């Protein structure tokens, strides 16, 4: 896995190791920082890290809070629309759903995501689907 990560996203790996573990990737082979230790740290990076986001094909780092916030925004927009439409003579146009910029289409199935429990959503985000 480490070889693939170094080839596909070296800058993200360097930034993540520094951010999450305080490890400077430039120091491999010195001060007790072995390649196997870096591989272990890389395998344990959180799902919302730069490396994991890049490997999953996402342009931005997104976690369950981002998706839940997006869904809350869309719910508020929908509620506001329903209130205005109910009390207006002229029906307003329906609001467009807010999308998280940079998320791929496969991660934007709002209807399906809204039916999931927070635990199901967390599992889905961590599975990379």
N, C-alpha and C. Protein backbone atom coordinates (compact mmCIF):
# COMPACT_ATOMS: atom_id res chain seq x y z
N UNK A 1 0.82 -1.19 0.00
CA UNK A 1 0.00 0.00 0.00
C UNK A 1 0.87 1.26 0.00
N UNK A 2 1.94 1.29 0.77
CA UNK A 2 2.76 2.48 0.87
C UNK A 2 3.33 2.90 -0.48
N UNK A 3 3.79 1.92 -1.26
CA UNK A 3 4.33 2.23 -2.58
C UNK A 3 3.31 2.92 -3.46
N UNK A 4 2.07 2.41 -3.45
CA UNK A 4 1.01 3.01 -4.25
C UNK A 4 0.71 4.43 -3.78
N UNK A 5 0.67 4.61 -2.46
CA UNK A 5 0.38 5.94 -1.91
C UNK A 5 1.47 6.93 -2.28
N UNK A 6 2.73 6.50 -2.17
CA UNK A 6 3.84 7.39 -2.51
C UNK A 6 3.79 7.78 -3.99
N UNK A 7 3.39 6.85 -4.85
CA UNK A 7 3.29 7.15 -6.28
C UNK A 7 2.10 8.04 -6.61
N UNK A 8 0.95 7.76 -6.00
CA UNK A 8 -0.28 8.46 -6.38
C UNK A 8 -0.48 9.79 -5.67
N UNK A 9 -0.01 9.90 -4.45
CA UNK A 9 -0.29 11.14 -3.70
C UNK A 9 0.81 11.46 -2.70
N UNK A 10 2.02 11.73 -3.18
CA UNK A 10 3.13 11.99 -2.28
C UNK A 10 2.95 13.25 -1.42
N UNK A 11 2.41 14.31 -2.00
CA UNK A 11 2.23 15.55 -1.23
C UNK A 11 1.19 15.36 -0.13
N UNK A 12 0.11 14.64 -0.45
CA UNK A 12 -0.93 14.39 0.55
C UNK A 12 -0.39 13.53 1.69
N UNK A 13 0.44 12.53 1.34
CA UNK A 13 1.02 11.67 2.37
C UNK A 13 1.93 12.48 3.29
N UNK A 14 2.76 13.32 2.71
CA UNK A 14 3.66 14.13 3.52
C UNK A 14 2.87 15.04 4.47
N UNK A 15 1.82 15.68 3.95
CA UNK A 15 1.00 16.58 4.77
C UNK A 15 0.26 15.81 5.87
N UNK A 16 -0.30 14.64 5.53
CA UNK A 16 -1.05 13.86 6.53
C UNK A 16 -0.14 13.33 7.64
N UNK A 17 1.02 12.82 7.27
CA UNK A 17 1.93 12.30 8.30
C UNK A 17 2.37 13.41 9.24
N UNK A 18 2.59 14.58 8.71
CA UNK A 18 2.97 15.73 9.54
C UNK A 18 1.81 16.15 10.43
N UNK A 19 0.61 16.25 9.84
CA UNK A 19 -0.56 16.71 10.60
C UNK A 19 -0.97 15.73 11.69
N UNK A 20 -1.11 14.45 11.32
CA UNK A 20 -1.66 13.48 12.27
C UNK A 20 -0.63 12.91 13.24
N UNK A 21 0.61 12.78 12.82
CA UNK A 21 1.61 12.10 13.65
C UNK A 21 2.84 12.94 13.96
N UNK A 22 2.95 14.12 13.37
CA UNK A 22 4.14 14.94 13.59
C UNK A 22 5.39 14.33 12.99
N UNK A 23 5.21 13.54 11.94
CA UNK A 23 6.32 12.83 11.30
C UNK A 23 6.69 13.54 10.00
N UNK A 24 7.96 13.87 9.87
CA UNK A 24 8.46 14.49 8.66
C UNK A 24 8.92 13.38 7.73
N UNK A 25 8.25 13.22 6.61
CA UNK A 25 8.55 12.15 5.66
C UNK A 25 9.97 12.25 5.11
N UNK A 26 10.53 13.43 5.14
CA UNK A 26 11.90 13.62 4.65
C UNK A 26 12.93 12.93 5.53
N UNK A 27 12.53 12.52 6.73
CA UNK A 27 13.48 11.93 7.68
C UNK A 27 13.49 10.40 7.68
N UNK A 28 12.91 9.76 6.66
CA UNK A 28 12.93 8.30 6.59
C UNK A 28 14.38 7.84 6.57
N UNK A 29 14.68 6.88 7.43
CA UNK A 29 16.03 6.34 7.51
C UNK A 29 16.90 7.05 8.55
N UNK A 30 16.38 8.09 9.15
CA UNK A 30 17.12 8.80 10.20
C UNK A 30 16.29 8.83 11.47
N UNK A 31 16.94 9.04 12.54
CA UNK A 31 16.29 9.17 13.86
C UNK A 31 15.25 8.09 14.13
N UNK A 32 15.52 6.88 13.70
CA UNK A 32 14.62 5.76 14.00
C UNK A 32 13.35 5.71 13.18
N UNK A 33 13.24 6.52 12.14
CA UNK A 33 12.04 6.51 11.30
C UNK A 33 12.26 5.55 10.13
N UNK A 34 11.70 4.36 10.28
CA UNK A 34 11.89 3.34 9.25
C UNK A 34 10.74 3.36 8.24
N UNK A 35 10.97 2.75 7.11
CA UNK A 35 9.95 2.64 6.07
C UNK A 35 8.76 1.83 6.58
N UNK A 36 9.03 0.79 7.37
CA UNK A 36 7.93 -0.03 7.89
C UNK A 36 7.08 0.77 8.88
N UNK A 37 7.71 1.66 9.65
CA UNK A 37 6.95 2.50 10.58
C UNK A 37 6.05 3.47 9.81
N UNK A 38 6.58 4.06 8.74
CA UNK A 38 5.78 4.96 7.89
C UNK A 38 4.63 4.19 7.25
N UNK A 39 4.87 2.96 6.83
CA UNK A 39 3.81 2.14 6.24
C UNK A 39 2.70 1.87 7.27
N UNK A 40 3.09 1.59 8.50
CA UNK A 40 2.10 1.36 9.56
C UNK A 40 1.27 2.61 9.81
N UNK A 41 1.94 3.76 9.91
CA UNK A 41 1.22 5.01 10.13
C UNK A 41 0.29 5.33 8.96
N UNK A 42 0.75 5.08 7.76
CA UNK A 42 -0.05 5.36 6.56
C UNK A 42 -1.31 4.50 6.56
N UNK A 43 -1.17 3.24 6.91
CA UNK A 43 -2.33 2.32 6.92
C UNK A 43 -3.37 2.73 7.97
N UNK A 44 -2.93 3.48 8.98
CA UNK A 44 -3.85 3.88 10.05
C UNK A 44 -4.37 5.31 9.90
N UNK A 45 -4.11 5.95 8.78
CA UNK A 45 -4.63 7.30 8.57
C UNK A 45 -6.16 7.29 8.62
N UNK A 46 -6.76 8.32 9.18
CA UNK A 46 -8.22 8.37 9.24
C UNK A 46 -8.84 8.49 7.84
N UNK A 47 -10.08 8.09 7.73
CA UNK A 47 -10.77 8.08 6.44
C UNK A 47 -10.92 9.47 5.83
N UNK A 48 -10.92 10.52 6.65
CA UNK A 48 -11.07 11.86 6.09
C UNK A 48 -9.72 12.54 5.84
N UNK A 49 -8.65 11.76 5.88
CA UNK A 49 -7.33 12.31 5.58
C UNK A 49 -7.20 12.62 4.10
N UNK A 50 -6.21 13.41 3.76
CA UNK A 50 -5.97 13.77 2.36
C UNK A 50 -5.70 12.53 1.52
N UNK A 51 -4.89 11.62 2.07
CA UNK A 51 -4.51 10.40 1.34
C UNK A 51 -5.75 9.56 1.04
N UNK A 52 -6.56 9.29 2.06
CA UNK A 52 -7.73 8.44 1.85
C UNK A 52 -8.72 9.10 0.90
N UNK A 53 -8.89 10.41 1.02
CA UNK A 53 -9.79 11.12 0.11
C UNK A 53 -9.30 10.99 -1.33
N UNK A 54 -8.01 11.14 -1.53
CA UNK A 54 -7.44 11.04 -2.88
C UNK A 54 -7.58 9.62 -3.42
N UNK A 55 -7.31 8.62 -2.59
CA UNK A 55 -7.42 7.23 -3.05
C UNK A 55 -8.85 6.85 -3.38
N UNK A 56 -9.81 7.49 -2.72
CA UNK A 56 -11.22 7.23 -3.01
C UNK A 56 -11.73 8.05 -4.18
N UNK A 57 -10.86 8.89 -4.75
CA UNK A 57 -11.25 9.68 -5.91
C UNK A 57 -12.01 10.95 -5.59
N UNK A 58 -11.98 11.36 -4.35
CA UNK A 58 -12.69 12.58 -3.97
C UNK A 58 -11.74 13.77 -4.09
N UNK A 59 -12.28 14.90 -4.52
CA UNK A 59 -11.48 16.11 -4.69
C UNK A 59 -11.33 16.87 -3.38
N UNK A 60 -12.22 16.61 -2.43
CA UNK A 60 -12.18 17.32 -1.16
C UNK A 60 -12.24 16.30 -0.03
N UNK A 61 -11.81 16.72 1.14
CA UNK A 61 -11.90 15.86 2.32
C UNK A 61 -13.31 16.00 2.90
N UNK A 62 -14.03 14.91 2.93
CA UNK A 62 -15.41 14.92 3.40
C UNK A 62 -15.57 13.85 4.46
N UNK A 63 -16.23 14.19 5.55
CA UNK A 63 -16.53 13.18 6.56
C UNK A 63 -18.02 13.17 6.83
N UNK A 64 -18.44 12.36 7.77
CA UNK A 64 -19.87 12.18 8.03
C UNK A 64 -20.52 13.48 8.45
N UNK A 65 -19.79 14.36 9.15
CA UNK A 65 -20.37 15.65 9.56
C UNK A 65 -20.69 16.51 8.35
N UNK A 66 -19.82 16.50 7.35
CA UNK A 66 -20.08 17.28 6.14
C UNK A 66 -21.35 16.81 5.45
N UNK A 67 -21.51 15.51 5.35
CA UNK A 67 -22.69 14.96 4.68
C UNK A 67 -23.95 15.25 5.50
N UNK A 68 -23.85 15.13 6.80
CA UNK A 68 -25.01 15.41 7.65
C UNK A 68 -25.37 16.90 7.61
N UNK A 69 -24.37 17.77 7.56
CA UNK A 69 -24.63 19.20 7.46
C UNK A 69 -25.30 19.52 6.12
N UNK A 70 -24.81 18.91 5.05
CA UNK A 70 -25.42 19.11 3.74
C UNK A 70 -26.89 18.68 3.78
N UNK A 71 -27.15 17.53 4.39
CA UNK A 71 -28.53 17.04 4.47
C UNK A 71 -29.40 17.97 5.31
N UNK A 72 -28.83 18.53 6.39
CA UNK A 72 -29.58 19.47 7.22
C UNK A 72 -29.92 20.74 6.43
N UNK A 73 -28.94 21.23 5.67
CA UNK A 73 -29.18 22.42 4.83
C UNK A 73 -30.30 22.14 3.83
N UNK A 74 -30.25 20.97 3.18
CA UNK A 74 -31.28 20.63 2.21
C UNK A 74 -32.65 20.47 2.86
N UNK A 75 -32.66 19.93 4.07
CA UNK A 75 -33.93 19.78 4.80
C UNK A 75 -34.52 21.14 5.15
N UNK A 76 -33.67 22.06 5.59
CA UNK A 76 -34.14 23.42 5.92
C UNK A 76 -34.65 24.11 4.66
N UNK A 77 -33.94 23.97 3.57
CA UNK A 77 -34.39 24.56 2.30
C UNK A 77 -35.75 24.00 1.89
N UNK A 78 -35.90 22.68 2.05
CA UNK A 78 -37.17 22.05 1.70
C UNK A 78 -38.31 22.51 2.59
N UNK A 79 -38.05 22.64 3.88
CA UNK A 79 -39.07 23.10 4.82
C UNK A 79 -39.47 24.54 4.51
N UNK A 80 -38.48 25.38 4.27
CA UNK A 80 -38.78 26.78 3.91
C UNK A 80 -39.61 26.85 2.64
N UNK A 81 -39.25 26.05 1.66
CA UNK A 81 -40.01 26.01 0.41
C UNK A 81 -41.46 25.61 0.69
N UNK A 82 -41.65 24.56 1.48
CA UNK A 82 -43.01 24.09 1.77
C UNK A 82 -43.84 25.16 2.50
N UNK A 83 -43.23 25.87 3.42
CA UNK A 83 -43.95 26.93 4.16
C UNK A 83 -44.34 28.05 3.21
N UNK A 84 -43.39 28.48 2.39
CA UNK A 84 -43.67 29.56 1.44
C UNK A 84 -44.71 29.13 0.41
N UNK A 85 -44.55 27.91 -0.11
CA UNK A 85 -45.49 27.42 -1.13
C UNK A 85 -46.90 27.28 -0.56
N UNK A 86 -47.02 26.89 0.70
CA UNK A 86 -48.33 26.72 1.33
C UNK A 86 -49.03 28.06 1.53
N UNK A 87 -48.26 29.09 1.82
CA UNK A 87 -48.85 30.39 2.16
C UNK A 87 -48.75 31.42 1.05
N UNK A 88 -48.38 31.02 -0.13
CA UNK A 88 -48.25 31.96 -1.25
C UNK A 88 -49.28 31.66 -2.33
N UNK A 89 -49.70 32.71 -3.03
CA UNK A 89 -50.61 32.52 -4.15
C UNK A 89 -49.85 31.93 -5.34
N UNK A 90 -48.64 32.43 -5.55
CA UNK A 90 -47.79 31.92 -6.64
C UNK A 90 -46.80 30.92 -6.06
N UNK A 91 -46.80 29.75 -6.63
CA UNK A 91 -45.90 28.71 -6.13
C UNK A 91 -44.45 29.03 -6.54
N UNK A 92 -43.53 29.11 -5.56
CA UNK A 92 -42.13 29.38 -5.90
C UNK A 92 -41.47 28.15 -6.52
N UNK A 93 -40.35 28.38 -7.19
CA UNK A 93 -39.62 27.24 -7.76
C UNK A 93 -38.94 26.46 -6.63
N UNK A 94 -38.87 25.16 -6.83
CA UNK A 94 -38.26 24.31 -5.80
C UNK A 94 -36.77 24.62 -5.70
N UNK A 95 -36.24 24.58 -4.48
CA UNK A 95 -34.81 24.86 -4.31
C UNK A 95 -33.96 23.70 -4.85
N UNK A 96 -32.82 24.06 -5.42
CA UNK A 96 -31.90 23.02 -5.87
C UNK A 96 -31.16 22.48 -4.66
N UNK A 97 -30.96 21.17 -4.60
CA UNK A 97 -30.25 20.60 -3.45
C UNK A 97 -28.82 21.12 -3.39
N UNK A 98 -28.37 21.43 -2.18
CA UNK A 98 -26.98 21.84 -1.98
C UNK A 98 -26.11 20.59 -2.10
N UNK A 99 -25.01 20.71 -2.82
CA UNK A 99 -24.07 19.61 -2.97
C UNK A 99 -22.72 20.06 -2.43
N UNK A 100 -21.98 19.15 -1.89
CA UNK A 100 -20.64 19.45 -1.41
C UNK A 100 -19.73 19.54 -2.62
N UNK A 101 -19.11 20.70 -2.85
CA UNK A 101 -18.25 20.85 -4.02
C UNK A 101 -17.13 19.81 -4.04
N UNK A 102 -16.93 19.20 -5.21
CA UNK A 102 -15.84 18.25 -5.36
C UNK A 102 -16.21 16.80 -5.10
N UNK A 103 -17.39 16.55 -4.52
CA UNK A 103 -17.78 15.17 -4.29
C UNK A 103 -18.20 14.54 -5.60
N UNK A 104 -17.82 13.29 -5.79
CA UNK A 104 -18.21 12.58 -7.00
C UNK A 104 -19.67 12.19 -6.91
N UNK A 105 -20.28 11.95 -8.06
CA UNK A 105 -21.69 11.60 -8.12
C UNK A 105 -22.03 10.39 -7.27
N UNK A 106 -21.14 9.40 -7.22
CA UNK A 106 -21.47 8.18 -6.47
C UNK A 106 -21.62 8.45 -4.98
N UNK A 107 -21.12 9.60 -4.50
CA UNK A 107 -21.25 9.95 -3.09
C UNK A 107 -22.41 10.91 -2.84
N UNK A 108 -23.20 11.22 -3.88
CA UNK A 108 -24.23 12.23 -3.75
C UNK A 108 -25.65 11.68 -3.77
N UNK A 109 -25.84 10.43 -3.52
CA UNK A 109 -27.18 9.86 -3.56
C UNK A 109 -27.95 10.30 -2.32
N UNK A 110 -28.45 11.54 -2.35
CA UNK A 110 -29.08 12.16 -1.19
C UNK A 110 -30.27 11.39 -0.65
N UNK A 111 -31.14 10.92 -1.53
CA UNK A 111 -32.32 10.18 -1.09
C UNK A 111 -31.91 8.96 -0.26
N UNK A 112 -30.95 8.22 -0.77
CA UNK A 112 -30.50 7.01 -0.09
C UNK A 112 -29.78 7.38 1.21
N UNK A 113 -28.95 8.41 1.19
CA UNK A 113 -28.22 8.82 2.39
C UNK A 113 -29.15 9.31 3.48
N UNK A 114 -30.24 9.99 3.08
CA UNK A 114 -31.16 10.54 4.09
C UNK A 114 -31.90 9.44 4.84
N UNK A 115 -32.01 8.27 4.24
CA UNK A 115 -32.71 7.17 4.91
C UNK A 115 -31.78 6.38 5.83
N UNK A 116 -30.49 6.67 5.79
CA UNK A 116 -29.52 5.91 6.58
C UNK A 116 -29.43 6.46 8.00
N UNK A 117 -29.16 5.57 8.93
CA UNK A 117 -28.88 5.99 10.30
C UNK A 117 -27.46 6.56 10.32
N UNK A 118 -27.09 7.35 11.33
CA UNK A 118 -25.72 7.85 11.40
C UNK A 118 -24.68 6.73 11.38
N UNK A 119 -24.99 5.60 12.00
CA UNK A 119 -24.05 4.48 12.00
C UNK A 119 -23.87 3.90 10.60
N UNK A 120 -24.97 3.76 9.86
CA UNK A 120 -24.88 3.26 8.49
C UNK A 120 -24.11 4.24 7.61
N UNK A 121 -24.35 5.51 7.81
CA UNK A 121 -23.65 6.53 7.04
C UNK A 121 -22.16 6.50 7.33
N UNK A 122 -21.80 6.37 8.59
CA UNK A 122 -20.38 6.29 8.97
C UNK A 122 -19.72 5.08 8.32
N UNK A 123 -20.39 3.91 8.35
CA UNK A 123 -19.84 2.71 7.72
C UNK A 123 -19.67 2.91 6.22
N UNK A 124 -20.65 3.53 5.59
CA UNK A 124 -20.58 3.75 4.14
C UNK A 124 -19.42 4.67 3.79
N UNK A 125 -19.24 5.74 4.55
CA UNK A 125 -18.14 6.65 4.27
C UNK A 125 -16.79 5.97 4.46
N UNK A 126 -16.68 5.12 5.46
CA UNK A 126 -15.41 4.45 5.72
C UNK A 126 -15.16 3.29 4.79
N UNK A 127 -16.20 2.79 4.12
CA UNK A 127 -16.00 1.68 3.20
C UNK A 127 -15.53 2.17 1.84
N UNK A 128 -15.65 3.47 1.58
CA UNK A 128 -15.21 4.01 0.29
C UNK A 128 -16.25 3.91 -0.80
N UNK A 129 -17.50 3.60 -0.48
CA UNK A 129 -18.57 3.50 -1.49
C UNK A 129 -19.45 4.71 -1.46
